[in-house]
Amino acid sequence: MESRFLNNNAFRSTAAGILIMLMLFGLLPLSPSGTALAFKPVGSLRATPNDITHTDVTEDAIKELIVNDGIIPGINRIGRTSQKAIDDIKWANARTDLGGEYFTDAGHFTGEAFAAGQQRLQTHFQGVISALEANNVADARENLGRALHALQDFYSHTNWIEIGNLTFHPYLGNFDRTADLLASAASPTERTCTNCLPDSCASCIGNISSARLTSAYFQFAPLIGAKPVGKCSHGGVGDFSDDDDASGGINKDSFSCEASPHSYLHREATSMAKLHTKQFIRNIKNRVTLKQFKALLGVGTTLAFAIDTTGSMSEEIAGARNTAIQILNSRINSLLEPVQLVLVEVNDPYTNLLADTVDDIVFRNAINSLGAGGGGDCPELQQTGLLQALNAIDDSGELILITDASARDNYLAGQVRALAQEKGVQITTFATGSCSPIDPEYYRTATDTGGQVFVINRSEVDNLTALVDFISRPDAVDVLSIGETLTGTAKYYSVPVDSTMSRVTFSVSGTTNIALKRPDGTFVQPSDANVNSVFVSGGRVYSITDPAPGTWEVIIGSGFGNLSLRVAG
């Protein structure tokens, strides 16, 4: 393999150090954008306002995979944690140009370094897998970003597009086909480019003389690492290979002719780079578990519990533990598997964050450690506990409060609701009311966050899994959400259901006096073939698969007290 530096490793290291110093002191010219190689790493270095950068390509590719391509079933939004993951990956990508790897051919697919570049991709690909298996998400994202930089540069620095290819290279990043990748490359002695004028893009159209795969050579300074005769130059300000045979260059890093002799193909190069970026990430998905892949992209929700452990919960605490573990078990290895698990113990005069983890074993052990004791009187610190859980939650999910009492710290309820809405967390409360009346703030919080309050008997605490599974589904959207007070008269609610809904769930708390009417006028029965239902003492849930499109009707019989109705499809 020919290199842009002389082959002596010690000389290469010394030369690189000298070049860094020269650039730092402004003695070695760079391109107008401030860097000489590659699609510009970041927006601040664009040669023209419209240049598409490495960070642009990376961010757009990942967002399209999540939002448009459905790479993770049931998820089609970019939340706070997924945006952080994107930022981590794209800045790892950019650092290839902003650090010592700037001087490596393999990092940019320059100097016909196809074998070294493919090896780099394989090393970082395996680095992603190994880091995810070790639950080291930060290292996984760093490896992915480094790999993507080289992968994306391939399309700017080679003649892959110029020789007529319309999609990404099938052997690049396909590590079983490295021999085929190398077999398609030009020989070390083959002339691959002709002369063209460095500052005339028109004269550089057609300057590639070989139909075999080649890539640009970049020469950082006179007398250091002259490229082989007849090989293609990188081109642009700061590339001294323009002074050699076959000057001009072929890079497609920018829309600027001065920076990129093949600037007319900049958009094609970035488009192909984005396509291959998406495929590279799909290949990673095929090698890891869904949970690991969701962690890599920061996609998924949080499962959080705030569980009252005061003395009055002594009869319910075993059931609360059992319910929490059943709900956790129902999520593991499913599309609903959370990427974060949070547990807060609610007592008085304290609350305690017992777990904030990605490890379901750690979480299960924390749940099993819960016991009941202390407190003294009925009102407890439920709002403090909810706030502590919300502060631990990174982004979105469900927070389940299990208690038997009202709150003594309702002055925090507004903060709880505001933070839950900001983070997209649904708060659902299961309250027995065996120690004190059900707190009205629980109903307001549930209504404002898309959750519900279920008043249950002590005996029902032990088995709420099916109920939670029906009312908490990340792939569902609210069709109707009602929170109001029953005053003794019947209520009627119309619910539009369209043909795109594969399931619709009607969840009512505050009364059991409910009837559902289909668009054809017939009433839903729990025994109907497409109906699953859960009955608790304070509510009803009906989950209906393949619902008939049209207007459904929910009929709430006469009653008194707080009512919560939620319909999700």
Protein backbone atom coordinates (compact mmCIF):
# COMPACT_ATOMS: atom_id res chain seq x y z
CA MET A 1 0.00 0.00 0.00
CA GLU A 2 1.30 3.42 -0.92
CA SER A 3 1.00 6.06 1.79
CA ARG A 4 0.84 9.82 1.79
CA PHE A 5 3.92 9.72 4.08
CA LEU A 6 7.21 7.88 3.65
CA ASN A 7 7.03 4.27 4.81
CA ASN A 8 9.33 4.64 7.79
CA ASN A 9 7.06 4.59 10.84
CA ALA A 10 9.31 6.76 12.96
CA PHE A 11 9.51 9.33 10.20
CA ARG A 12 5.74 9.27 9.81
CA SER A 13 5.26 9.99 13.50
CA THR A 14 7.81 12.78 13.47
CA ALA A 15 6.34 14.28 10.31
CA ALA A 16 2.86 14.17 11.76
CA GLY A 17 4.03 16.00 14.86
CA ILE A 18 5.77 18.65 12.78
CA LEU A 19 2.71 19.10 10.60
CA ILE A 20 0.43 19.54 13.60
CA MET A 21 2.75 22.23 14.94
CA LEU A 22 2.87 23.93 11.54
CA MET A 23 -0.90 24.01 11.32
CA LEU A 24 -1.27 25.25 14.87
CA PHE A 25 1.06 28.15 14.13
CA GLY A 26 -0.55 28.87 10.78
CA LEU A 27 2.52 28.03 8.70
CA LEU A 28 0.87 25.23 6.75
CA PRO A 29 -2.14 26.27 4.66
CA LEU A 30 -5.45 24.55 5.09
CA SER A 31 -8.57 24.77 3.00
CA PRO A 32 -10.79 27.85 3.45
CA SER A 33 -12.98 25.78 5.78
CA GLY A 34 -10.16 25.18 8.23
CA THR A 35 -9.54 21.51 7.37
CA ALA A 36 -7.98 19.83 4.42
CA LEU A 37 -9.58 16.39 4.41
CA ALA A 38 -13.00 14.84 4.23
CA PHE A 39 -16.58 16.04 4.27
CA LYS A 40 -16.31 18.87 6.77
CA PRO A 41 -16.63 17.33 10.23
CA VAL A 42 -18.88 20.04 11.67
CA GLY A 43 -21.05 22.89 10.48
CA SER A 44 -18.66 25.60 11.62
CA LEU A 45 -16.10 24.37 9.07
CA ARG A 46 -18.28 24.39 5.96
CA ALA A 47 -16.54 25.81 2.89
CA THR A 48 -19.94 26.97 1.62
CA PRO A 49 -23.12 27.51 3.64
CA ASN A 50 -24.77 24.53 1.92
CA ASP A 51 -22.01 21.97 2.49
CA ILE A 52 -23.19 18.69 4.00
CA THR A 53 -20.93 17.65 6.87
CA HIS A 54 -20.10 14.37 8.61
CA THR A 55 -22.31 15.37 11.53
CA ASP A 56 -25.15 16.17 9.11
CA VAL A 57 -24.87 12.79 7.38
CA THR A 58 -24.69 10.90 10.68
CA GLU A 59 -27.57 12.70 12.37
CA ASP A 60 -29.85 12.51 9.33
CA ALA A 61 -29.15 8.81 8.83
CA ILE A 62 -29.93 7.82 12.42
CA LYS A 63 -33.04 9.98 12.59
CA GLU A 64 -34.36 8.46 9.37
CA LEU A 65 -33.72 4.96 10.69
CA ILE A 66 -35.74 5.69 13.84
CA VAL A 67 -38.49 7.98 12.57
CA ASN A 68 -39.06 6.81 8.99
CA ASP A 69 -37.61 3.32 8.63
CA GLY A 70 -38.96 1.80 11.85
CA ILE A 71 -35.65 0.18 12.77
CA ILE A 72 -36.99 -0.24 16.32
CA PRO A 73 -40.61 -1.44 16.30
CA GLY A 74 -43.04 0.87 18.01
CA ILE A 75 -40.63 3.82 18.17
CA ASN A 76 -40.89 6.70 15.70
CA ARG A 77 -39.75 9.74 17.65
CA ILE A 78 -36.46 11.31 18.67
CA GLY A 79 -36.49 11.78 22.43
CA ARG A 80 -33.94 13.34 24.74
CA THR A 81 -31.93 10.16 25.16
CA SER A 82 -31.93 9.33 21.47
CA GLN A 83 -30.76 12.86 20.63
CA LYS A 84 -27.95 12.45 23.15
CA ALA A 85 -26.97 9.16 21.51
CA ILE A 86 -26.93 10.83 18.10
CA ASP A 87 -24.78 13.64 19.47
CA ASP A 88 -22.33 11.16 21.02
CA ILE A 89 -21.98 9.25 17.75
CA LYS A 90 -21.69 12.26 15.46
CA TRP A 91 -19.05 13.97 17.63
CA ALA A 92 -17.03 10.75 17.78
CA ASN A 93 -17.21 10.83 13.99
CA ALA A 94 -16.06 14.46 13.85
CA ARG A 95 -13.12 13.82 16.18
CA THR A 96 -11.47 11.74 13.45
CA ASP A 97 -10.79 15.02 11.64
CA LEU A 98 -10.07 17.03 14.75
CA GLY A 99 -7.45 14.73 16.30
CA GLY A 100 -4.40 12.64 15.45
CA GLU A 101 -6.35 10.35 13.11
CA TYR A 102 -6.49 13.26 10.70
CA PHE A 103 -3.17 11.98 9.32
CA THR A 104 -4.17 8.36 8.71
CA ASP A 105 -5.11 7.07 5.26
CA ALA A 106 -7.29 4.34 6.76
CA GLY A 107 -9.38 6.92 8.61
CA HIS A 108 -10.32 8.62 5.34
CA PHE A 109 -9.88 6.01 2.59
CA THR A 110 -7.20 8.12 0.95
CA GLY A 111 -3.97 6.88 -0.67
CA GLU A 112 -5.68 3.71 -1.98
CA ALA A 113 -5.65 2.37 1.60
CA PHE A 114 -8.50 -0.04 0.95
CA ALA A 115 -7.13 -2.93 3.01
CA ALA A 116 -6.30 -0.71 5.99
CA GLY A 117 -9.62 1.12 5.69
CA GLN A 118 -11.60 -2.12 5.63
CA GLN A 119 -9.63 -3.35 8.64
CA ARG A 120 -10.44 -0.12 10.47
CA LEU A 121 -14.15 -0.63 9.79
CA GLN A 122 -13.96 -4.20 11.05
CA THR A 123 -12.07 -3.20 14.20
CA HIS A 124 -14.57 -0.51 15.12
CA PHE A 125 -17.56 -2.68 14.13
CA GLN A 126 -16.38 -5.35 16.53
CA GLY A 127 -15.64 -2.62 19.06
CA VAL A 128 -19.30 -1.62 18.99
CA ILE A 129 -20.43 -5.22 19.53
CA SER A 130 -17.98 -5.88 22.37
CA ALA A 131 -18.81 -2.62 24.13
CA LEU A 132 -22.56 -3.29 23.98
CA GLU A 133 -22.05 -6.81 25.34
CA ALA A 134 -20.17 -5.21 28.25
CA ASN A 135 -22.95 -2.62 28.78
CA ASN A 136 -20.46 0.13 27.86
CA VAL A 137 -22.68 2.33 25.72
CA ALA A 138 -20.20 5.24 25.63
CA ASP A 139 -17.47 3.09 24.05
CA ALA A 140 -19.95 1.59 21.61
CA ARG A 141 -20.96 5.03 20.37
CA GLU A 142 -17.32 6.14 20.13
CA ASN A 143 -16.46 3.09 18.00
CA LEU A 144 -19.49 3.62 15.79
CA GLY A 145 -18.65 7.27 15.16
CA ARG A 146 -15.02 6.44 14.23
CA ALA A 147 -16.16 3.73 11.84
CA LEU A 148 -18.75 5.95 10.18
CA HIS A 149 -16.21 8.69 9.46
CA ALA A 150 -14.09 6.38 7.32
CA LEU A 151 -17.14 4.79 5.72
CA GLN A 152 -18.55 8.17 4.71
CA ASP A 153 -15.20 9.46 3.42
CA PHE A 154 -14.99 6.53 1.01
CA TYR A 155 -17.64 8.18 -1.15
CA SER A 156 -15.85 11.53 -1.26
CA HIS A 157 -12.29 10.33 -1.76
CA THR A 158 -12.70 7.46 -4.22
CA ASN A 159 -13.92 7.24 -7.81
CA TRP A 160 -16.79 4.90 -6.83
CA ILE A 161 -19.41 7.39 -8.01
CA GLU A 162 -17.47 8.60 -11.05
CA ILE A 163 -17.21 5.08 -12.51
CA GLY A 164 -20.99 4.82 -12.61
CA ASN A 165 -22.14 3.20 -9.36
CA LEU A 166 -25.58 4.23 -8.12
CA THR A 167 -25.60 2.66 -4.67
CA PHE A 168 -23.15 1.94 -1.89
CA HIS A 169 -20.25 -0.51 -2.31
CA PRO A 170 -21.50 -4.05 -1.47
CA TYR A 171 -18.10 -5.22 -0.17
CA LEU A 172 -17.17 -2.18 1.93
CA GLY A 173 -17.95 -3.07 5.52
CA ASN A 174 -18.75 -6.62 4.40
CA PHE A 175 -15.81 -8.30 6.05
CA ASP A 176 -16.26 -11.65 4.35
CA ARG A 177 -15.75 -9.95 1.00
CA THR A 178 -12.56 -8.00 1.65
CA ALA A 179 -10.72 -9.97 -1.04
CA ASP A 180 -13.36 -8.92 -3.58
CA LEU A 181 -13.03 -5.29 -2.50
CA LEU A 182 -9.27 -5.38 -3.01
CA ALA A 183 -9.55 -7.27 -6.31
CA SER A 184 -11.50 -4.39 -7.81
CA ALA A 185 -8.82 -1.81 -6.94
CA ALA A 186 -6.23 -0.37 -9.28
CA SER A 187 -2.70 -1.76 -9.04
CA PRO A 188 -0.03 0.28 -7.23
CA THR A 189 1.59 1.20 -10.55
CA GLU A 190 -1.54 1.94 -12.58
CA ARG A 191 -2.11 5.55 -13.59
CA THR A 192 -5.56 6.56 -12.42
CA CYS A 193 -5.88 10.29 -13.16
CA THR A 194 -4.85 12.92 -15.69
CA ASN A 195 -3.92 16.54 -15.10
CA CYS A 196 -6.57 19.18 -14.60
CA LEU A 197 -6.50 22.75 -13.34
CA PRO A 198 -6.65 22.85 -9.52
CA ASP A 199 -9.10 25.76 -9.42
CA SER A 200 -11.19 24.78 -12.44
CA CYS A 201 -13.81 22.17 -11.65
CA ALA A 202 -14.91 22.10 -15.27
CA SER A 203 -11.44 21.00 -16.39
CA CYS A 204 -11.44 18.24 -13.73
CA ILE A 205 -14.59 16.57 -15.04
CA GLY A 206 -13.39 13.37 -16.66
CA ASN A 207 -9.89 13.54 -15.18
CA ILE A 208 -10.16 9.96 -13.86
CA SER A 209 -8.47 7.66 -16.37
CA SER A 210 -9.07 4.26 -14.74
CA ALA A 211 -12.27 2.24 -14.46
CA ARG A 212 -10.86 0.41 -11.46
CA LEU A 213 -11.34 1.53 -7.87
CA THR A 214 -8.90 4.20 -6.75
CA SER A 215 -8.78 6.91 -4.13
CA ALA A 216 -7.21 10.33 -3.77
CA TYR A 217 -3.72 10.92 -2.38
CA PHE A 218 -3.20 13.84 -0.04
CA GLN A 219 0.26 15.37 0.43
CA PHE A 220 0.48 17.54 3.53
CA ALA A 221 3.67 19.41 2.66
CA PRO A 222 6.34 19.67 -0.04
CA LEU A 223 9.00 16.96 0.14
CA ILE A 224 6.89 14.77 2.47
CA GLY A 225 5.26 11.66 1.02
CA ALA A 226 4.91 12.51 -2.66
CA LYS A 227 2.21 10.39 -4.26
CA PRO A 228 3.03 7.79 -6.94
CA VAL A 229 3.20 9.10 -10.48
CA GLY A 230 -0.16 9.23 -12.21
CA LYS A 231 -2.25 8.62 -9.10
CA CYS A 232 -5.22 10.88 -8.37
CA SER A 233 -4.72 13.89 -6.15
CA HIS A 234 -7.06 14.84 -3.35
CA GLY A 235 -7.11 18.46 -4.47
CA GLY A 236 -8.07 21.64 -2.70
CA VAL A 237 -6.11 24.29 -0.84
CA GLY A 238 -3.45 22.67 1.35
CA ASP A 239 -2.93 19.59 -0.85
CA PHE A 240 0.62 19.77 -2.20
CA SER A 241 -0.02 16.79 -4.48
CA ASP A 242 -1.49 19.35 -6.87
CA ASP A 243 2.09 20.15 -7.82
CA ASP A 244 2.73 16.59 -8.96
CA ASP A 245 1.74 14.61 -12.01
CA ALA A 246 -2.07 14.15 -12.33
CA SER A 247 -2.80 17.29 -10.34
CA GLY A 248 -6.19 18.85 -9.78
CA GLY A 249 -7.89 16.28 -7.62
CA ILE A 250 -11.11 14.28 -7.21
CA ASN A 251 -12.44 14.97 -3.72
CA LYS A 252 -16.13 15.72 -3.25
CA ASP A 253 -15.95 17.12 0.29
CA SER A 254 -17.68 20.40 -0.47
CA PHE A 255 -19.77 22.38 -2.94
CA SER A 256 -16.76 24.72 -3.18
CA CYS A 257 -14.69 24.25 -6.35
CA GLU A 258 -11.63 25.65 -4.60
CA ALA A 259 -11.90 23.01 -1.87
CA SER A 260 -13.23 20.16 -4.03
CA PRO A 261 -12.38 19.68 -7.74
CA HIS A 262 -15.33 17.27 -8.02
CA SER A 263 -17.66 19.54 -6.07
CA TYR A 264 -20.42 18.86 -8.60
CA LEU A 265 -20.78 15.39 -7.04
CA HIS A 266 -20.85 16.55 -3.41
CA ARG A 267 -24.55 15.88 -2.98
CA GLU A 268 -24.33 12.44 -4.61
CA ALA A 269 -21.39 11.54 -2.36
CA THR A 270 -23.16 12.57 0.83
CA SER A 271 -26.37 10.82 -0.22
CA MET A 272 -24.52 7.58 -0.84
CA ALA A 273 -22.62 8.01 2.42
CA LYS A 274 -25.93 8.33 4.25
CA LEU A 275 -27.31 5.19 2.62
CA HIS A 276 -24.26 3.20 3.65
CA THR A 277 -24.31 4.69 7.15
CA LYS A 278 -27.83 3.34 7.57
CA GLN A 279 -26.82 -0.09 6.27
CA PHE A 280 -23.79 -0.23 8.58
CA ILE A 281 -26.05 0.47 11.56
CA ARG A 282 -28.52 -2.19 10.38
CA ASN A 283 -25.64 -4.67 10.26
CA ILE A 284 -24.85 -3.85 13.90
CA LYS A 285 -28.49 -4.43 14.84
CA ASN A 286 -28.27 -7.91 13.35
CA ARG A 287 -25.39 -8.78 15.69
CA VAL A 288 -26.75 -7.61 19.04
CA THR A 289 -29.88 -7.98 21.12
CA LEU A 290 -32.75 -5.55 20.71
CA LYS A 291 -32.06 -4.22 24.21
CA GLN A 292 -28.39 -3.57 23.33
CA PHE A 293 -29.32 -1.89 20.06
CA LYS A 294 -31.89 0.35 21.74
CA ALA A 295 -29.24 1.36 24.26
CA LEU A 296 -26.81 2.22 21.44
CA LEU A 297 -29.31 4.61 19.88
CA GLY A 298 -30.77 5.78 23.18
CA VAL A 299 -34.18 4.58 22.06
CA GLY A 300 -36.70 3.18 24.47
CA THR A 301 -38.56 4.06 27.58
CA THR A 302 -38.06 3.93 31.31
CA LEU A 303 -39.92 1.69 33.73
CA ALA A 304 -40.03 3.33 37.14
CA PHE A 305 -41.76 2.55 40.43
CA ALA A 306 -42.36 4.65 43.51
CA ILE A 307 -43.53 2.23 46.20
CA ASP A 308 -44.83 3.18 49.60
CA THR A 309 -42.97 1.19 52.30
CA THR A 310 -44.45 2.74 55.46
CA GLY A 311 -45.86 0.52 58.18
CA SER A 312 -49.45 0.79 56.95
CA MET A 313 -48.38 -1.02 53.78
CA SER A 314 -47.48 -4.19 55.69
CA GLU A 315 -50.43 -6.08 54.17
CA GLU A 316 -49.78 -4.76 50.65
CA ILE A 317 -45.99 -4.72 50.40
CA ALA A 318 -45.61 -8.35 49.30
CA GLY A 319 -48.21 -7.77 46.60
CA ALA A 320 -46.48 -4.56 45.53
CA ARG A 321 -43.16 -6.42 45.19
CA ASN A 322 -44.84 -9.20 43.25
CA THR A 323 -46.62 -6.81 40.92
CA ALA A 324 -43.47 -4.80 40.19
CA ILE A 325 -41.51 -7.95 39.37
CA GLN A 326 -44.32 -9.33 37.20
CA ILE A 327 -44.45 -6.07 35.24
CA LEU A 328 -40.65 -6.11 34.85
CA ASN A 329 -40.68 -9.74 33.68
CA SER A 330 -43.40 -9.01 31.15
CA ARG A 331 -41.22 -6.31 29.58
CA ILE A 332 -37.93 -8.26 29.34
CA ASN A 333 -37.10 -9.55 25.82
CA SER A 334 -40.14 -7.81 24.36
CA LEU A 335 -40.73 -4.72 22.24
CA LEU A 336 -41.62 -2.96 25.49
CA GLU A 337 -38.27 -3.73 27.15
CA PRO A 338 -37.11 -0.55 28.93
CA VAL A 339 -33.64 0.91 28.58
CA GLN A 340 -33.72 2.36 32.10
CA LEU A 341 -35.09 0.97 35.37
CA VAL A 342 -35.76 3.23 38.36
CA LEU A 343 -37.01 2.35 41.85
CA VAL A 344 -37.78 4.82 44.65
CA GLU A 345 -38.83 3.83 48.14
CA VAL A 346 -41.43 6.22 49.60
CA ASN A 347 -41.43 6.45 53.37
CA ASP A 348 -41.63 9.19 55.99
CA PRO A 349 -39.55 11.17 56.85
CA TYR A 350 -37.44 10.04 53.87
CA THR A 351 -37.51 8.72 50.33
CA ASN A 352 -34.72 6.65 48.83
CA LEU A 353 -33.56 6.06 45.25
CA LEU A 354 -32.85 2.32 45.44
CA ALA A 355 -32.08 1.66 41.77
CA ASP A 356 -31.25 3.53 38.58
CA THR A 357 -29.93 0.83 36.29
CA VAL A 358 -30.05 -0.96 32.93
CA ASP A 359 -29.59 -4.35 34.64
CA ASP A 360 -32.86 -6.17 35.30
CA ILE A 361 -31.19 -8.46 37.86
CA VAL A 362 -30.01 -5.48 39.91
CA PHE A 363 -33.49 -3.99 39.63
CA ARG A 364 -35.21 -7.20 40.67
CA ASN A 365 -32.96 -7.49 43.71
CA ALA A 366 -33.77 -3.89 44.69
CA ILE A 367 -37.51 -4.63 44.49
CA ASN A 368 -37.12 -7.75 46.60
CA SER A 369 -35.35 -5.73 49.29
CA LEU A 370 -38.48 -3.68 50.00
CA GLY A 371 -40.16 -4.12 53.36
CA ALA A 372 -42.80 -2.14 55.28
CA GLY A 373 -42.13 -0.14 58.43
CA GLY A 374 -42.07 3.35 59.91
CA GLY A 375 -44.10 6.34 58.87
CA GLY A 376 -46.13 6.85 62.01
CA ASP A 377 -49.22 8.47 60.42
CA CYS A 378 -51.00 8.09 57.09
CA PRO A 379 -49.97 11.02 54.85
CA GLU A 380 -46.53 10.24 53.40
CA LEU A 381 -43.95 11.80 51.03
CA GLN A 382 -45.38 10.51 47.76
CA GLN A 383 -44.73 13.73 45.80
CA THR A 384 -41.12 13.80 47.00
CA GLY A 385 -40.73 10.20 45.89
CA LEU A 386 -42.27 10.89 42.48
CA LEU A 387 -40.01 13.91 42.02
CA GLN A 388 -36.94 11.86 42.96
CA ALA A 389 -37.89 9.19 40.41
CA LEU A 390 -38.52 11.79 37.70
CA ASN A 391 -35.15 13.40 38.31
CA ALA A 392 -33.51 10.01 37.74
CA ILE A 393 -35.44 9.28 34.53
CA ASP A 394 -33.52 10.25 31.40
CA ASP A 395 -36.41 10.47 28.98
CA SER A 396 -39.99 9.20 28.60
CA GLY A 397 -41.57 6.12 30.08
CA GLU A 398 -43.98 5.08 32.78
CA LEU A 399 -43.83 5.84 36.50
CA ILE A 400 -46.08 3.72 38.71
CA LEU A 401 -46.93 4.79 42.25
CA ILE A 402 -48.23 2.10 44.62
CA THR A 403 -49.54 3.48 47.91
CA ASP A 404 -52.30 3.28 50.47
CA ALA A 405 -52.26 6.91 51.60
CA SER A 406 -52.53 10.53 50.58
CA ALA A 407 -49.50 12.85 50.35
CA ARG A 408 -48.30 15.28 53.00
CA ASP A 409 -46.08 17.15 50.46
CA ASN A 410 -48.62 18.25 47.85
CA TYR A 411 -46.83 21.59 47.53
CA LEU A 412 -44.50 19.62 45.18
CA ALA A 413 -47.31 18.29 42.97
CA GLY A 414 -46.95 21.10 40.42
CA GLN A 415 -43.23 20.39 40.04
CA VAL A 416 -44.00 16.70 39.58
CA ARG A 417 -46.48 17.38 36.79
CA ALA A 418 -44.24 19.90 35.03
CA LEU A 419 -41.20 17.60 35.05
CA ALA A 420 -43.26 14.59 33.97
CA GLN A 421 -44.68 16.52 31.03
CA GLU A 422 -41.23 17.84 30.09
CA LYS A 423 -39.75 14.34 30.01
CA GLY A 424 -42.79 12.59 28.55
CA VAL A 425 -43.41 10.38 31.59
CA GLN A 426 -46.85 8.88 32.23
CA ILE A 427 -47.72 8.64 35.93
CA THR A 428 -50.21 5.97 37.00
CA THR A 429 -51.23 5.46 40.61
CA PHE A 430 -52.59 2.32 42.23
CA ALA A 431 -54.05 3.30 45.59
CA THR A 432 -55.90 1.16 48.11
CA GLY A 433 -57.01 4.10 50.25
CA SER A 434 -56.79 1.79 53.24
CA CYS A 435 -54.82 4.29 55.31
CA SER A 436 -56.36 7.58 54.17
CA PRO A 437 -58.64 8.86 51.39
CA ILE A 438 -57.37 8.95 47.81
CA ASP A 439 -55.54 12.20 47.21
CA PRO A 440 -57.17 14.49 44.59
CA GLU A 441 -53.68 15.51 43.41
CA TYR A 442 -53.13 11.96 42.18
CA TYR A 443 -56.03 12.39 39.77
CA ARG A 444 -54.80 15.74 38.51
CA THR A 445 -51.28 14.38 37.96
CA ALA A 446 -52.60 11.35 36.11
CA THR A 447 -54.79 13.47 33.85
CA ASP A 448 -51.99 15.93 33.06
CA THR A 449 -49.44 13.20 32.26
CA GLY A 450 -51.64 10.75 30.36
CA GLY A 451 -51.84 8.25 33.23
CA GLN A 452 -54.68 7.13 35.44
CA VAL A 453 -55.57 6.48 39.07
CA PHE A 454 -56.95 3.07 39.95
CA VAL A 455 -58.53 2.57 43.34
CA ILE A 456 -58.06 -1.10 44.21
CA ASN A 457 -58.57 -3.49 47.07
CA ARG A 458 -55.59 -4.70 49.06
CA SER A 459 -56.05 -8.16 47.56
CA GLU A 460 -55.72 -6.75 44.03
CA VAL A 461 -52.25 -5.29 44.58
CA ASP A 462 -50.77 -8.73 43.99
CA ASN A 463 -51.78 -9.00 40.34
CA LEU A 464 -51.86 -5.79 38.33
CA THR A 465 -49.57 -6.90 35.47
CA ALA A 466 -52.26 -7.40 32.85
CA LEU A 467 -53.83 -4.06 33.74
CA VAL A 468 -50.51 -2.22 33.36
CA ASP A 469 -49.73 -3.99 30.10
CA PHE A 470 -53.00 -2.79 28.62
CA ILE A 471 -52.78 0.82 29.75
CA SER A 472 -49.03 1.35 29.10
CA ARG A 473 -47.98 0.73 25.52
CA PRO A 474 -45.30 2.91 23.85
CA ASP A 475 -46.64 2.13 20.38
CA ALA A 476 -50.06 3.59 21.21
CA VAL A 477 -51.31 7.15 20.92
CA ASP A 478 -54.12 8.75 22.86
CA VAL A 479 -57.41 9.01 20.99
CA LEU A 480 -59.32 10.43 23.95
CA SER A 481 -58.35 11.45 27.47
CA ILE A 482 -60.97 12.65 29.94
CA GLY A 483 -60.63 13.60 33.58
CA GLU A 484 -63.74 14.91 35.33
CA THR A 485 -66.10 14.46 38.26
CA LEU A 486 -69.23 12.34 38.11
CA THR A 487 -72.24 14.13 39.58
CA GLY A 488 -74.95 11.47 39.39
CA THR A 489 -75.87 11.63 35.70
CA ALA A 490 -74.76 9.36 32.88
CA LYS A 491 -71.95 10.43 30.53
CA TYR A 492 -71.59 9.64 26.81
CA TYR A 493 -68.32 9.91 24.87
CA SER A 494 -67.78 9.40 21.13
CA VAL A 495 -64.50 7.82 20.05
CA PRO A 496 -63.36 7.84 16.41
CA VAL A 497 -61.52 4.67 15.38
CA ASP A 498 -59.92 4.47 11.94
CA SER A 499 -58.75 1.53 9.83
CA THR A 500 -55.07 2.03 10.73
CA MET A 501 -55.64 0.97 14.36
CA SER A 502 -54.76 -2.66 15.01
CA ARG A 503 -55.78 -2.35 18.67
CA VAL A 504 -57.78 0.09 20.76
CA THR A 505 -57.84 0.14 24.56
CA PHE A 506 -60.63 1.69 26.64
CA SER A 507 -59.51 2.31 30.21
CA VAL A 508 -61.87 3.67 32.86
CA SER A 509 -61.07 4.34 36.50
CA GLY A 510 -63.37 5.75 39.16
CA THR A 511 -66.34 3.57 38.26
CA THR A 512 -67.21 0.09 37.05
CA ASN A 513 -70.46 1.25 35.49
CA ILE A 514 -69.32 1.26 31.86
CA ALA A 515 -70.64 0.04 28.52
CA LEU A 516 -68.97 0.11 25.07
CA LYS A 517 -70.98 0.35 21.88
CA ARG A 518 -69.52 -0.51 18.47
CA PRO A 519 -70.21 1.54 15.32
CA ASP A 520 -72.86 -1.03 14.32
CA GLY A 521 -74.75 -0.46 17.57
CA THR A 522 -73.80 -3.75 19.29
CA PHE A 523 -72.33 -3.75 22.79
CA VAL A 524 -68.92 -5.17 23.67
CA GLN A 525 -68.96 -8.27 25.87
CA PRO A 526 -65.90 -9.51 27.82
CA SER A 527 -66.37 -12.92 26.21
CA ASP A 528 -66.14 -11.60 22.63
CA ALA A 529 -63.36 -13.24 20.59
CA ASN A 530 -61.33 -10.08 19.96
CA VAL A 531 -61.77 -8.64 23.47
CA ASN A 532 -59.40 -8.87 26.43
CA SER A 533 -60.56 -7.29 29.66
CA VAL A 534 -59.33 -6.59 33.17
CA PHE A 535 -61.72 -5.78 36.01
CA VAL A 536 -60.62 -4.24 39.28
CA SER A 537 -62.78 -2.86 42.04
CA GLY A 538 -62.28 0.73 40.89
CA GLY A 539 -62.21 0.41 37.13
CA ARG A 540 -62.44 -1.52 33.88
CA VAL A 541 -60.08 -1.97 30.92
CA TYR A 542 -61.09 -3.39 27.54
CA SER A 543 -58.43 -4.10 24.92
CA ILE A 544 -59.92 -4.80 21.49
CA THR A 545 -57.91 -6.14 18.55
CA ASP A 546 -58.88 -5.32 14.95
CA PRO A 547 -61.59 -2.87 16.02
CA ALA A 548 -64.23 -1.97 13.46
CA PRO A 549 -63.56 1.50 12.02
CA GLY A 550 -66.13 4.15 12.77
CA THR A 551 -67.48 5.95 15.82
CA TRP A 552 -67.51 3.97 19.04
CA GLU A 553 -69.39 5.13 22.13
CA VAL A 554 -68.40 4.92 25.79
CA ILE A 555 -71.33 5.08 28.19
CA ILE A 556 -70.62 5.82 31.84
CA GLY A 557 -73.58 5.13 34.10
CA SER A 558 -74.64 7.47 36.86
CA GLY A 559 -72.21 7.80 39.74
CA PHE A 560 -70.23 10.17 41.90
CA GLY A 561 -66.57 11.03 42.33
CA ASN A 562 -63.49 11.29 40.16
CA LEU A 563 -63.63 9.74 36.68
CA SER A 564 -60.73 9.02 34.37
CA LEU A 565 -61.29 7.75 30.81
CA ARG A 566 -58.43 7.07 28.43
CA VAL A 567 -58.70 5.59 24.95
CA ALA A 568 -55.46 4.67 23.17
CA GLY A 569 -55.03 3.19 19.71
